[in-house]
Amino acid sequence: MMRTAMVAVALVGYALDRWTKQLALTHLATTDGPSFLNGWVSLQLVLNPGAAFSMGSSVTIVFSVLSIAALVAVIGWGWPRAHGWLTSLCAGMVACGIAGNLTDRLVRPPGFLRGHVVDFISVQHFAVFNVADVFITCSVVLFAIYLLRADHAGPGPDSGRPEPVAATDHRREDHQEGGSS
């Protein structure tokens, strides 16, 4: 059941990312677009050759290769270890985010492994990003909360710890029995 939900989150998130990027390419310009929340959020098309904040625009191929490795790691190592609903949600979200931006790097101009990522959500005085970035960021925040909560939570499917096994200290019982005779 959790595997199905994890795959569904990844596929629906990936489809949402691809759809919104296509809408951005079709309807937005690289100049100021519509704005919301008194101008704090606006829609503006940016073709990003780099990573966050357009850093590393000259090493797009490196980002592409790292993205491939990260996606393989999440699917091959992370998915099998995600057992509870929260870890499954995080694994599906991060996989969809990586896959969404990696697809741009693989298929968009200027070429294979060098494609520019389509960003279009602009937050005033911050950054321009896309739905894949939102999924990655939310999965990291949720997983951080999970890790913080897991240290204090009792055993369970999302605590990362097994159920306790009742153990008896036979030495103590023997000592108590011997002392009472």
Protein backbone atom coordinates (compact mmCIF):
# COMPACT_ATOMS: atom_id res chain seq x y z
CA MET A 1 0.00 0.00 0.00
CA MET A 2 2.79 2.46 0.92
CA ARG A 3 4.74 1.62 -2.24
CA THR A 4 1.67 2.35 -4.36
CA ALA A 5 1.17 5.71 -2.62
CA MET A 6 4.86 6.56 -3.01
CA VAL A 7 4.81 5.82 -6.73
CA ALA A 8 1.50 7.68 -7.13
CA VAL A 9 2.93 10.78 -5.41
CA ALA A 10 6.00 10.63 -7.66
CA LEU A 11 3.99 10.21 -10.86
CA VAL A 12 1.31 12.81 -10.06
CA GLY A 13 3.95 15.30 -8.90
CA TYR A 14 6.03 14.68 -12.02
CA ALA A 15 2.98 15.16 -14.27
CA LEU A 16 2.08 18.39 -12.42
CA ASP A 17 5.63 19.68 -12.86
CA ARG A 18 5.68 18.88 -16.59
CA TRP A 19 2.23 20.40 -17.13
CA THR A 20 3.00 23.64 -15.26
CA LYS A 21 6.31 24.04 -17.09
CA GLN A 22 4.54 23.64 -20.42
CA LEU A 23 1.98 26.26 -19.36
CA ALA A 24 4.81 28.59 -18.37
CA LEU A 25 6.56 28.12 -21.72
CA THR A 26 3.31 28.73 -23.59
CA HIS A 27 1.88 31.67 -21.64
CA LEU A 28 4.67 33.51 -19.82
CA ALA A 29 7.33 35.90 -20.98
CA THR A 30 10.72 36.57 -19.48
CA THR A 31 9.49 40.00 -18.41
CA ASP A 32 7.17 40.65 -15.50
CA GLY A 33 4.10 38.45 -15.52
CA PRO A 34 1.04 38.36 -13.30
CA SER A 35 1.66 38.98 -9.62
CA PHE A 36 -0.10 37.89 -6.44
CA LEU A 37 -0.04 38.72 -2.72
CA ASN A 38 0.76 42.40 -3.28
CA GLY A 39 3.60 41.57 -5.63
CA TRP A 40 5.39 39.13 -3.34
CA VAL A 41 4.78 36.26 -5.78
CA SER A 42 4.78 36.63 -9.54
CA LEU A 43 5.00 34.42 -12.59
CA GLN A 44 8.03 35.02 -14.78
CA LEU A 45 9.69 32.63 -17.22
CA VAL A 46 13.36 31.90 -16.49
CA LEU A 47 15.40 29.27 -18.34
CA ASN A 48 17.94 28.27 -15.72
CA PRO A 49 21.19 26.57 -16.79
CA GLY A 50 22.43 26.28 -13.19
CA ALA A 51 21.19 25.10 -9.84
CA ALA A 52 19.44 27.07 -7.11
CA PHE A 53 19.67 30.84 -7.66
CA SER A 54 21.20 30.04 -11.10
CA MET A 55 24.52 29.17 -9.45
CA GLY A 56 26.88 26.96 -11.40
CA SER A 57 25.53 27.78 -14.83
CA SER A 58 28.81 26.67 -16.42
CA VAL A 59 28.61 23.15 -14.94
CA THR A 60 25.16 22.05 -16.09
CA ILE A 61 26.47 18.62 -17.10
CA VAL A 62 27.73 18.04 -13.55
CA PHE A 63 24.27 18.87 -12.17
CA SER A 64 22.72 16.48 -14.68
CA VAL A 65 25.02 13.60 -13.70
CA LEU A 66 24.49 14.31 -9.98
CA SER A 67 20.72 14.36 -10.58
CA ILE A 68 20.86 10.97 -12.29
CA ALA A 69 22.87 9.56 -9.37
CA ALA A 70 20.46 11.09 -6.84
CA LEU A 71 17.40 9.69 -8.61
CA VAL A 72 18.97 6.22 -8.78
CA ALA A 73 19.84 6.47 -5.07
CA VAL A 74 16.33 7.57 -4.08
CA ILE A 75 14.63 4.84 -6.11
CA GLY A 76 17.17 2.08 -5.47
CA TRP A 77 18.08 2.79 -1.85
CA GLY A 78 15.48 5.17 -0.41
CA TRP A 79 12.24 3.68 -1.71
CA PRO A 80 12.86 0.18 -0.29
CA ARG A 81 13.62 1.70 3.13
CA ALA A 82 10.56 3.96 3.26
CA HIS A 83 8.08 2.01 5.38
CA GLY A 84 5.71 4.53 6.95
CA TRP A 85 3.41 7.05 5.32
CA LEU A 86 5.66 10.05 6.00
CA THR A 87 8.88 8.53 4.69
CA SER A 88 6.99 7.16 1.68
CA LEU A 89 5.54 10.61 0.97
CA CYS A 90 8.99 12.21 1.23
CA ALA A 91 10.58 9.60 -1.03
CA GLY A 92 7.88 10.05 -3.68
CA MET A 93 8.12 13.84 -3.49
CA VAL A 94 11.90 14.02 -3.77
CA ALA A 95 11.89 11.51 -6.66
CA CYS A 96 9.33 13.56 -8.58
CA GLY A 97 11.29 16.76 -7.99
CA ILE A 98 14.59 15.29 -9.13
CA ALA A 99 12.96 13.66 -12.16
CA GLY A 100 11.15 16.87 -13.15
CA ASN A 101 14.27 19.02 -13.26
CA LEU A 102 16.37 16.19 -14.70
CA THR A 103 13.92 15.83 -17.59
CA ASP A 104 14.52 19.50 -18.46
CA ARG A 105 18.28 18.94 -18.40
CA LEU A 106 17.94 15.90 -20.67
CA VAL A 107 15.48 17.17 -23.29
CA ARG A 108 15.53 20.98 -23.35
CA PRO A 109 17.88 23.17 -25.36
CA PRO A 110 20.78 23.63 -25.65
CA GLY A 111 21.18 19.82 -25.57
CA PHE A 112 21.37 16.50 -23.76
CA LEU A 113 22.63 16.88 -20.15
CA ARG A 114 22.92 20.64 -20.78
CA GLY A 115 19.26 21.62 -20.96
CA HIS A 116 17.99 24.63 -19.08
CA VAL A 117 15.44 24.07 -16.32
CA VAL A 118 12.14 25.94 -16.71
CA ASP A 119 11.52 28.12 -13.63
CA PHE A 120 8.53 30.43 -13.35
CA ILE A 121 7.41 31.05 -9.74
CA SER A 122 9.15 34.20 -8.53
CA VAL A 123 9.19 35.22 -4.88
CA GLN A 124 10.17 38.85 -4.34
CA HIS A 125 13.76 39.26 -3.06
CA PHE A 126 14.29 35.49 -3.13
CA ALA A 127 14.36 33.17 -6.13
CA VAL A 128 12.57 31.89 -9.20
CA PHE A 129 11.68 28.20 -9.02
CA ASN A 130 9.24 25.56 -10.27
CA VAL A 131 6.91 22.82 -9.00
CA ALA A 132 9.75 20.24 -8.93
CA ASP A 133 11.70 22.56 -6.63
CA VAL A 134 8.65 22.88 -4.37
CA PHE A 135 8.39 19.09 -4.12
CA ILE A 136 12.09 18.73 -3.29
CA THR A 137 12.00 21.50 -0.68
CA CYS A 138 8.82 20.22 0.97
CA SER A 139 10.18 16.68 1.11
CA VAL A 140 13.38 17.90 2.79
CA VAL A 141 11.42 19.95 5.34
CA LEU A 142 9.04 17.04 6.07
CA PHE A 143 11.94 14.61 6.40
CA ALA A 144 13.75 16.97 8.79
CA ILE A 145 10.59 17.15 10.91
CA TYR A 146 10.40 13.35 10.77
CA LEU A 147 13.99 13.04 11.97
CA LEU A 148 13.42 15.48 14.81
CA ARG A 149 10.17 13.78 15.77
CA ALA A 150 11.62 10.28 15.48
CA ASP A 151 14.15 10.98 18.25
CA HIS A 152 11.34 11.67 20.68
CA ALA A 153 8.56 9.48 19.34
CA GLY A 154 7.77 6.03 20.62
CA PRO A 155 8.24 2.94 18.52
CA GLY A 156 6.14 2.68 15.43
CA PRO A 157 6.18 2.44 11.66
CA ASP A 158 7.56 5.96 11.15
CA SER A 159 9.81 6.24 14.19
CA GLY A 160 12.66 4.33 12.61
CA ARG A 161 12.92 2.12 15.69
CA PRO A 162 11.57 -1.39 16.18
CA GLU A 163 8.97 -2.27 18.76
CA PRO A 164 10.62 -3.00 22.13
CA VAL A 165 10.99 -6.59 23.19
CA ALA A 166 10.08 -7.32 26.79
CA ALA A 167 13.15 -8.61 28.56
CA THR A 168 13.51 -9.97 32.03
CA ASP A 169 16.62 -9.51 34.08
CA HIS A 170 17.01 -13.01 35.50
CA ARG A 171 19.97 -12.01 37.70
CA ARG A 172 17.85 -9.52 39.54
CA GLU A 173 15.02 -12.01 40.01
CA ASP A 174 17.47 -14.65 41.24
CA HIS A 175 19.00 -12.17 43.69
CA GLN A 176 15.58 -11.09 44.94
CA GLU A 177 14.46 -14.71 45.33
CA GLY A 178 17.66 -15.60 47.17
CA GLY A 179 17.34 -12.61 49.47
CA SER A 180 13.78 -13.39 50.52
CA SER A 181 14.44 -16.91 51.88
